[in-house]
Amino acid sequence: MKKKRTNLMTDQLRQAIDDCGLTRYEIAKQTGIDESALAKFYNGHRGLSMEALNALGEFLQLKIILGRKPETTGK
């Protein structure tokens, strides 16, 4: 049986962009992120800088929830 794969953080960011109801142009304008950089990120061609990720997260009012796996002992 296959494990259910959780969404990658980048997939979740793209979904948040889609769900916010604004165009990528409007998001870029309001966050100060270069429009072409945001488009390349959205299309999976490039990552964003930490500064841009922070601006995007703040603008979209995102929170990160940690769901770490418990550590296992031994080999």
PDB file of N, CA and C in Angstrom:
ATOM      1  N   MET A   1       0.832  -1.179   0.000  1.00  0.00           N
ATOM      2  CA  MET A   1       0.000   0.000   0.000  1.00  0.00           C
ATOM      3  C   MET A   1       0.883   1.251   0.000  1.00  0.00           C
ATOM      4  N   LYS A   2       0.576   2.188  -0.873  1.00  0.00           N
ATOM      5  CA  LYS A   2       1.372   3.411  -0.967  1.00  0.00           C
ATOM      6  C   LYS A   2       1.008   4.381   0.138  1.00  0.00           C
ATOM      7  N   LYS A   3       2.038   5.095   0.605  1.00  0.00           N
ATOM      8  CA  LYS A   3       1.805   6.160   1.581  1.00  0.00           C
ATOM      9  C   LYS A   3       1.182   7.353   0.865  1.00  0.00           C
ATOM     10  N   LYS A   4       0.278   8.007   1.549  1.00  0.00           N
ATOM     11  CA  LYS A   4      -0.301   9.224   0.997  1.00  0.00           C
ATOM     12  C   LYS A   4       0.744  10.330   1.069  1.00  0.00           C
ATOM     13  N   ARG A   5       1.036  10.940  -0.052  1.00  0.00           N
ATOM     14  CA  ARG A   5       2.039  11.992  -0.112  1.00  0.00           C
ATOM     15  C   ARG A   5       1.423  13.322   0.288  1.00  0.00           C
ATOM     16  N   THR A   6       2.073  13.991   1.219  1.00  0.00           N
ATOM     17  CA  THR A   6       1.591  15.312   1.611  1.00  0.00           C
ATOM     18  C   THR A   6       2.039  16.326   0.571  1.00  0.00           C
ATOM     19  N   ASN A   7       1.301  17.403   0.478  1.00  0.00           N
ATOM     20  CA  ASN A   7       1.666  18.461  -0.453  1.00  0.00           C
ATOM     21  C   ASN A   7       2.991  19.079  -0.048  1.00  0.00           C
ATOM     22  N   LEU A   8       3.801  19.371  -1.029  1.00  0.00           N
ATOM     23  CA  LEU A   8       5.026  20.108  -0.771  1.00  0.00           C
ATOM     24  C   LEU A   8       4.674  21.534  -0.372  1.00  0.00           C
ATOM     25  N   MET A   9       5.585  22.180   0.326  1.00  0.00           N
ATOM     26  CA  MET A   9       5.334  23.553   0.742  1.00  0.00           C
ATOM     27  C   MET A   9       5.100  24.450  -0.472  1.00  0.00           C
ATOM     28  N   THR A  10       5.835  24.215  -1.547  1.00  0.00           N
ATOM     29  CA  THR A  10       5.649  25.033  -2.747  1.00  0.00           C
ATOM     30  C   THR A  10       4.250  24.827  -3.331  1.00  0.00           C
ATOM     31  N   ASP A  11       3.745  23.597  -3.272  1.00  0.00           N
ATOM     32  CA  ASP A  11       2.381  23.338  -3.742  1.00  0.00           C
ATOM     33  C   ASP A  11       1.368  24.091  -2.877  1.00  0.00           C
ATOM     34  N   GLN A  12       1.615  24.103  -1.572  1.00  0.00           N
ATOM     35  CA  GLN A  12       0.715  24.799  -0.657  1.00  0.00           C
ATOM     36  C   GLN A  12       0.751  26.313  -0.900  1.00  0.00           C
ATOM     37  N   LEU A  13       1.930  26.859  -1.202  1.00  0.00           N
ATOM     38  CA  LEU A  13       2.037  28.287  -1.509  1.00  0.00           C
ATOM     39  C   LEU A  13       1.281  28.619  -2.793  1.00  0.00           C
ATOM     40  N   ARG A  14       1.428  27.776  -3.804  1.00  0.00           N
ATOM     41  CA  ARG A  14       0.704  28.003  -5.057  1.00  0.00           C
ATOM     42  C   ARG A  14      -0.807  27.965  -4.811  1.00  0.00           C
ATOM     43  N   GLN A  15      -1.248  27.022  -3.984  1.00  0.00           N
ATOM     44  CA  GLN A  15      -2.673  26.920  -3.666  1.00  0.00           C
ATOM     45  C   GLN A  15      -3.157  28.164  -2.926  1.00  0.00           C
ATOM     46  N   ALA A  16      -2.344  28.677  -2.008  1.00  0.00           N
ATOM     47  CA  ALA A  16      -2.697  29.893  -1.270  1.00  0.00           C
ATOM     48  C   ALA A  16      -2.796  31.083  -2.222  1.00  0.00           C
ATOM     49  N   ILE A  17      -1.909  31.137  -3.211  1.00  0.00           N
ATOM     50  CA  ILE A  17      -1.970  32.204  -4.218  1.00  0.00           C
ATOM     51  C   ILE A  17      -3.277  32.096  -4.991  1.00  0.00           C
ATOM     52  N   ASP A  18      -3.622  30.874  -5.413  1.00  0.00           N
ATOM     53  CA  ASP A  18      -4.871  30.667  -6.147  1.00  0.00           C
ATOM     54  C   ASP A  18      -6.088  31.032  -5.306  1.00  0.00           C
ATOM     55  N   ASP A  19      -6.052  30.673  -4.026  1.00  0.00           N
ATOM     56  CA  ASP A  19      -7.207  30.848  -3.145  1.00  0.00           C
ATOM     57  C   ASP A  19      -7.430  32.282  -2.676  1.00  0.00           C
ATOM     58  N   CYS A  20      -6.425  33.136  -2.804  1.00  0.00           N
ATOM     59  CA  CYS A  20      -6.556  34.490  -2.246  1.00  0.00           C
ATOM     60  C   CYS A  20      -7.464  35.391  -3.074  1.00  0.00           C
ATOM     61  N   GLY A  21      -7.758  35.018  -4.309  1.00  0.00           N
ATOM     62  CA  GLY A  21      -8.679  35.800  -5.122  1.00  0.00           C
ATOM     63  C   GLY A  21      -8.059  36.959  -5.875  1.00  0.00           C
ATOM     64  N   LEU A  22      -6.744  37.100  -5.785  1.00  0.00           N
ATOM     65  CA  LEU A  22      -6.049  38.169  -6.504  1.00  0.00           C
ATOM     66  C   LEU A  22      -5.223  37.572  -7.633  1.00  0.00           C
ATOM     67  N   THR A  23      -4.904  38.391  -8.613  1.00  0.00           N
ATOM     68  CA  THR A  23      -4.029  37.931  -9.682  1.00  0.00           C
ATOM     69  C   THR A  23      -2.586  37.944  -9.186  1.00  0.00           C
ATOM     70  N   ARG A  24      -1.743  37.199  -9.866  1.00  0.00           N
ATOM     71  CA  ARG A  24      -0.322  37.211  -9.500  1.00  0.00           C
ATOM     72  C   ARG A  24       0.257  38.606  -9.691  1.00  0.00           C
ATOM     73  N   TYR A  25      -0.237  39.343 -10.671  1.00  0.00           N
ATOM     74  CA  TYR A  25       0.210  40.716 -10.868  1.00  0.00           C
ATOM     75  C   TYR A  25      -0.108  41.573  -9.641  1.00  0.00           C
ATOM     76  N   GLU A  26      -1.334  41.454  -9.126  1.00  0.00           N
ATOM     77  CA  GLU A  26      -1.738  42.233  -7.950  1.00  0.00           C
ATOM     78  C   GLU A  26      -0.917  41.846  -6.722  1.00  0.00           C
ATOM     79  N   ILE A  27      -0.670  40.545  -6.564  1.00  0.00           N
ATOM     80  CA  ILE A  27       0.143  40.080  -5.439  1.00  0.00           C
ATOM     81  C   ILE A  27       1.546  40.637  -5.550  1.00  0.00           C
ATOM     82  N   ALA A  28       2.132  40.571  -6.735  1.00  0.00           N
ATOM     83  CA  ALA A  28       3.488  41.072  -6.952  1.00  0.00           C
ATOM     84  C   ALA A  28       3.560  42.570  -6.638  1.00  0.00           C
ATOM     85  N   LYS A  29       2.586  43.296  -7.106  1.00  0.00           N
ATOM     86  CA  LYS A  29       2.564  44.749  -6.891  1.00  0.00           C
ATOM     87  C   LYS A  29       2.467  45.089  -5.405  1.00  0.00           C
ATOM     88  N   GLN A  30       1.617  44.364  -4.670  1.00  0.00           N
ATOM     89  CA  GLN A  30       1.399  44.677  -3.257  1.00  0.00           C
ATOM     90  C   GLN A  30       2.507  44.159  -2.345  1.00  0.00           C
ATOM     91  N   THR A  31       3.256  43.135  -2.788  1.00  0.00           N
ATOM     92  CA  THR A  31       4.323  42.579  -1.955  1.00  0.00           C
ATOM     93  C   THR A  31       5.700  43.113  -2.316  1.00  0.00           C
ATOM     94  N   GLY A  32       5.826  43.703  -3.491  1.00  0.00           N
ATOM     95  CA  GLY A  32       7.134  44.165  -3.946  1.00  0.00           C
ATOM     96  C   GLY A  32       7.966  43.065  -4.585  1.00  0.00           C
ATOM     97  N   ILE A  33       7.365  41.887  -4.753  1.00  0.00           N
ATOM     98  CA  ILE A  33       8.057  40.781  -5.433  1.00  0.00           C
ATOM     99  C   ILE A  33       7.976  41.043  -6.933  1.00  0.00           C
ATOM    100  N   ASP A  34       9.084  40.853  -7.621  1.00  0.00           N
ATOM    101  CA  ASP A  34       9.112  41.041  -9.065  1.00  0.00           C
ATOM    102  C   ASP A  34       8.084  40.106  -9.705  1.00  0.00           C
ATOM    103  N   GLU A  35       7.272  40.652 -10.590  1.00  0.00           N
ATOM    104  CA  GLU A  35       6.195  39.868 -11.208  1.00  0.00           C
ATOM    105  C   GLU A  35       6.720  38.651 -11.955  1.00  0.00           C
ATOM    106  N   SER A  36       7.826  38.808 -12.675  1.00  0.00           N
ATOM    107  CA  SER A  36       8.366  37.668 -13.427  1.00  0.00           C
ATOM    108  C   SER A  36       8.927  36.601 -12.476  1.00  0.00           C
ATOM    109  N   ALA A  37       9.504  37.019 -11.346  1.00  0.00           N
ATOM    110  CA  ALA A  37      10.008  36.053 -10.364  1.00  0.00           C
ATOM    111  C   ALA A  37       8.850  35.273  -9.749  1.00  0.00           C
ATOM    112  N   LEU A  38       7.740  35.955  -9.457  1.00  0.00           N
ATOM    113  CA  LEU A  38       6.572  35.286  -8.905  1.00  0.00           C
ATOM    114  C   LEU A  38       5.985  34.317  -9.930  1.00  0.00           C
ATOM    115  N   ALA A  39       5.932  34.714 -11.185  1.00  0.00           N
ATOM    116  CA  ALA A  39       5.412  33.835 -12.237  1.00  0.00           C
ATOM    117  C   ALA A  39       6.297  32.600 -12.410  1.00  0.00           C
ATOM    118  N   LYS A  40       7.615  32.784 -12.374  1.00  0.00           N
ATOM    119  CA  LYS A  40       8.531  31.653 -12.512  1.00  0.00           C
ATOM    120  C   LYS A  40       8.401  30.696 -11.325  1.00  0.00           C
ATOM    121  N   PHE A  41       8.219  31.247 -10.129  1.00  0.00           N
ATOM    122  CA  PHE A  41       7.991  30.404  -8.962  1.00  0.00           C
ATOM    123  C   PHE A  41       6.685  29.638  -9.111  1.00  0.00           C
ATOM    124  N   TYR A  42       5.632  30.338  -9.463  1.00  0.00           N
ATOM    125  CA  TYR A  42       4.314  29.731  -9.578  1.00  0.00           C
ATOM    126  C   TYR A  42       4.316  28.592 -10.596  1.00  0.00           C
ATOM    127  N   ASN A  43       5.054  28.768 -11.669  1.00  0.00           N
ATOM    128  CA  ASN A  43       5.108  27.760 -12.730  1.00  0.00           C
ATOM    129  C   ASN A  43       6.163  26.687 -12.478  1.00  0.00           C
ATOM    130  N   GLY A  44       6.856  26.763 -11.349  1.00  0.00           N
ATOM    131  CA  GLY A  44       7.816  25.731 -10.981  1.00  0.00           C
ATOM    132  C   GLY A  44       9.165  25.830 -11.657  1.00  0.00           C
ATOM    133  N   HIS A  45       9.490  26.985 -12.213  1.00  0.00           N
ATOM    134  CA  HIS A  45      10.755  27.150 -12.920  1.00  0.00           C
ATOM    135  C   HIS A  45      11.862  27.735 -12.065  1.00  0.00           C
ATOM    136  N   ARG A  46      11.483  28.266 -10.882  1.00  0.00           N
ATOM    137  CA  ARG A  46      12.476  28.950 -10.057  1.00  0.00           C
ATOM    138  C   ARG A  46      11.941  29.085  -8.630  1.00  0.00           C
ATOM    139  N   GLY A  47      12.851  29.171  -7.693  1.00  0.00           N
ATOM    140  CA  GLY A  47      12.463  29.405  -6.311  1.00  0.00           C
ATOM    141  C   GLY A  47      12.392  30.892  -6.029  1.00  0.00           C
ATOM    142  N   LEU A  48      11.975  31.229  -4.821  1.00  0.00           N
ATOM    143  CA  LEU A  48      11.939  32.617  -4.389  1.00  0.00           C
ATOM    144  C   LEU A  48      12.970  32.822  -3.290  1.00  0.00           C
ATOM    145  N   SER A  49      13.456  34.035  -3.164  1.00  0.00           N
ATOM    146  CA  SER A  49      14.382  34.367  -2.085  1.00  0.00           C
ATOM    147  C   SER A  49      13.649  34.301  -0.755  1.00  0.00           C
ATOM    148  N   MET A  50      14.400  34.217   0.322  1.00  0.00           N
ATOM    149  CA  MET A  50      13.789  34.213   1.653  1.00  0.00           C
ATOM    150  C   MET A  50      13.001  35.501   1.886  1.00  0.00           C
ATOM    151  N   GLU A  51      13.530  36.613   1.411  1.00  0.00           N
ATOM    152  CA  GLU A  51      12.841  37.898   1.549  1.00  0.00           C
ATOM    153  C   GLU A  51      11.491  37.865   0.834  1.00  0.00           C
ATOM    154  N   ALA A  52      11.482  37.312  -0.382  1.00  0.00           N
ATOM    155  CA  ALA A  52      10.237  37.221  -1.142  1.00  0.00           C
ATOM    156  C   ALA A  52       9.260  36.241  -0.489  1.00  0.00           C
ATOM    157  N   LEU A  53       9.779  35.120   0.011  1.00  0.00           N
ATOM    158  CA  LEU A  53       8.916  34.152   0.697  1.00  0.00           C
ATOM    159  C   LEU A  53       8.293  34.770   1.946  1.00  0.00           C
ATOM    160  N   ASN A  54       9.091  35.537   2.693  1.00  0.00           N
ATOM    161  CA  ASN A  54       8.563  36.218   3.881  1.00  0.00           C
ATOM    162  C   ASN A  54       7.471  37.215   3.501  1.00  0.00           C
ATOM    163  N   ALA A  55       7.708  37.982   2.442  1.00  0.00           N
ATOM    164  CA  ALA A  55       6.725  38.972   2.000  1.00  0.00           C
ATOM    165  C   ALA A  55       5.437  38.286   1.541  1.00  0.00           C
ATOM    166  N   LEU A  56       5.584  37.190   0.814  1.00  0.00           N
ATOM    167  CA  LEU A  56       4.429  36.453   0.325  1.00  0.00           C
ATOM    168  C   LEU A  56       3.638  35.835   1.478  1.00  0.00           C
ATOM    169  N   GLY A  57       4.349  35.222   2.408  1.00  0.00           N
ATOM    170  CA  GLY A  57       3.696  34.618   3.563  1.00  0.00           C
ATOM    171  C   GLY A  57       2.966  35.632   4.414  1.00  0.00           C
ATOM    172  N   GLU A  58       3.588  36.777   4.616  1.00  0.00           N
ATOM    173  CA  GLU A  58       2.952  37.836   5.414  1.00  0.00           C
ATOM    174  C   GLU A  58       1.724  38.381   4.698  1.00  0.00           C
ATOM    175  N   PHE A  59       1.856  38.612   3.407  1.00  0.00           N
ATOM    176  CA  PHE A  59       0.738  39.150   2.627  1.00  0.00           C
ATOM    177  C   PHE A  59      -0.451  38.193   2.622  1.00  0.00           C
ATOM    178  N   LEU A  60      -0.170  36.896   2.459  1.00  0.00           N
ATOM    179  CA  LEU A  60      -1.235  35.893   2.407  1.00  0.00           C
ATOM    180  C   LEU A  60      -1.670  35.434   3.796  1.00  0.00           C
ATOM    181  N   GLN A  61      -1.030  35.989   4.831  1.00  0.00           N
ATOM    182  CA  GLN A  61      -1.318  35.661   6.228  1.00  0.00           C
ATOM    183  C   GLN A  61      -1.200  34.153   6.481  1.00  0.00           C
ATOM    184  N   LEU A  62      -0.063  33.604   6.040  1.00  0.00           N
ATOM    185  CA  LEU A  62       0.182  32.173   6.185  1.00  0.00           C
ATOM    186  C   LEU A  62       0.893  31.882   7.493  1.00  0.00           C
ATOM    187  N   LYS A  63       0.649  30.697   8.036  1.00  0.00           N
ATOM    188  CA  LYS A  63       1.341  30.207   9.218  1.00  0.00           C
ATOM    189  C   LYS A  63       1.877  28.820   8.892  1.00  0.00           C
ATOM    190  N   ILE A  64       3.049  28.533   9.397  1.00  0.00           N
ATOM    191  CA  ILE A  64       3.632  27.208   9.218  1.00  0.00           C
ATOM    192  C   ILE A  64       3.314  26.378  10.448  1.00  0.00           C
ATOM    193  N   ILE A  65       2.791  25.197  10.208  1.00  0.00           N
ATOM    194  CA  ILE A  65       2.506  24.268  11.286  1.00  0.00           C
ATOM    195  C   ILE A  65       3.448  23.088  11.114  1.00  0.00           C
ATOM    196  N   LEU A  66       4.265  22.868  12.142  1.00  0.00           N
ATOM    197  CA  LEU A  66       5.237  21.782  12.067  1.00  0.00           C
ATOM    198  C   LEU A  66       4.559  20.453  12.369  1.00  0.00           C
ATOM    199  N   GLY A  67       4.877  19.489  11.567  1.00  0.00           N
ATOM    200  CA  GLY A  67       4.351  18.138  11.773  1.00  0.00           C
ATOM    201  C   GLY A  67       5.473  17.150  11.642  1.00  0.00           C
ATOM    202  N   ARG A  68       6.441  17.262  12.517  1.00  0.00           N
ATOM    203  CA  ARG A  68       7.629  16.406  12.455  1.00  0.00           C
ATOM    204  C   ARG A  68       7.298  14.974  12.833  1.00  0.00           C
ATOM    205  N   LYS A  69       8.030  14.067  12.204  1.00  0.00           N
ATOM    206  CA  LYS A  69       7.917  12.667  12.566  1.00  0.00           C
ATOM    207  C   LYS A  69       8.719  12.449  13.845  1.00  0.00           C
ATOM    208  N   PRO A  70       8.236  11.586  14.713  1.00  0.00           N
ATOM    209  CA  PRO A  70       9.016  11.310  15.938  1.00  0.00           C
ATOM    210  C   PRO A  70      10.333  10.636  15.589  1.00  0.00           C
ATOM    211  N   GLU A  71      11.348  10.972  16.375  1.00  0.00           N
ATOM    212  CA  GLU A  71      12.672  10.363  16.151  1.00  0.00           C
ATOM    213  C   GLU A  71      12.613   8.902  16.539  1.00  0.00           C
ATOM    214  N   THR A  72      13.341   8.105  15.781  1.00  0.00           N
ATOM    215  CA  THR A  72      13.446   6.690  16.126  1.00  0.00           C
ATOM    216  C   THR A  72      14.835   6.431  16.635  1.00  0.00           C
ATOM    217  N   THR A  73      14.972   5.504  17.571  1.00  0.00           N
ATOM    218  CA  THR A  73      16.284   5.176  18.118  1.00  0.00           C
ATOM    219  C   THR A  73      16.767   3.890  17.480  1.00  0.00           C
ATOM    220  N   GLY A  74      18.053   3.737  17.423  1.00  0.00           N
ATOM    221  CA  GLY A  74      18.636   2.521  16.847  1.00  0.00           C
ATOM    222  C   GLY A  74      18.718   2.607  15.345  1.00  0.00           C
ATOM    223  N   LYS A  75      19.228   1.540  14.769  1.00  0.00           N
ATOM    224  CA  LYS A  75      19.382   1.517  13.310  1.00  0.00           C
ATOM    225  C   LYS A  75      18.444   0.557  12.667  1.00  0.00           C
TER     226      LYS A  75
END
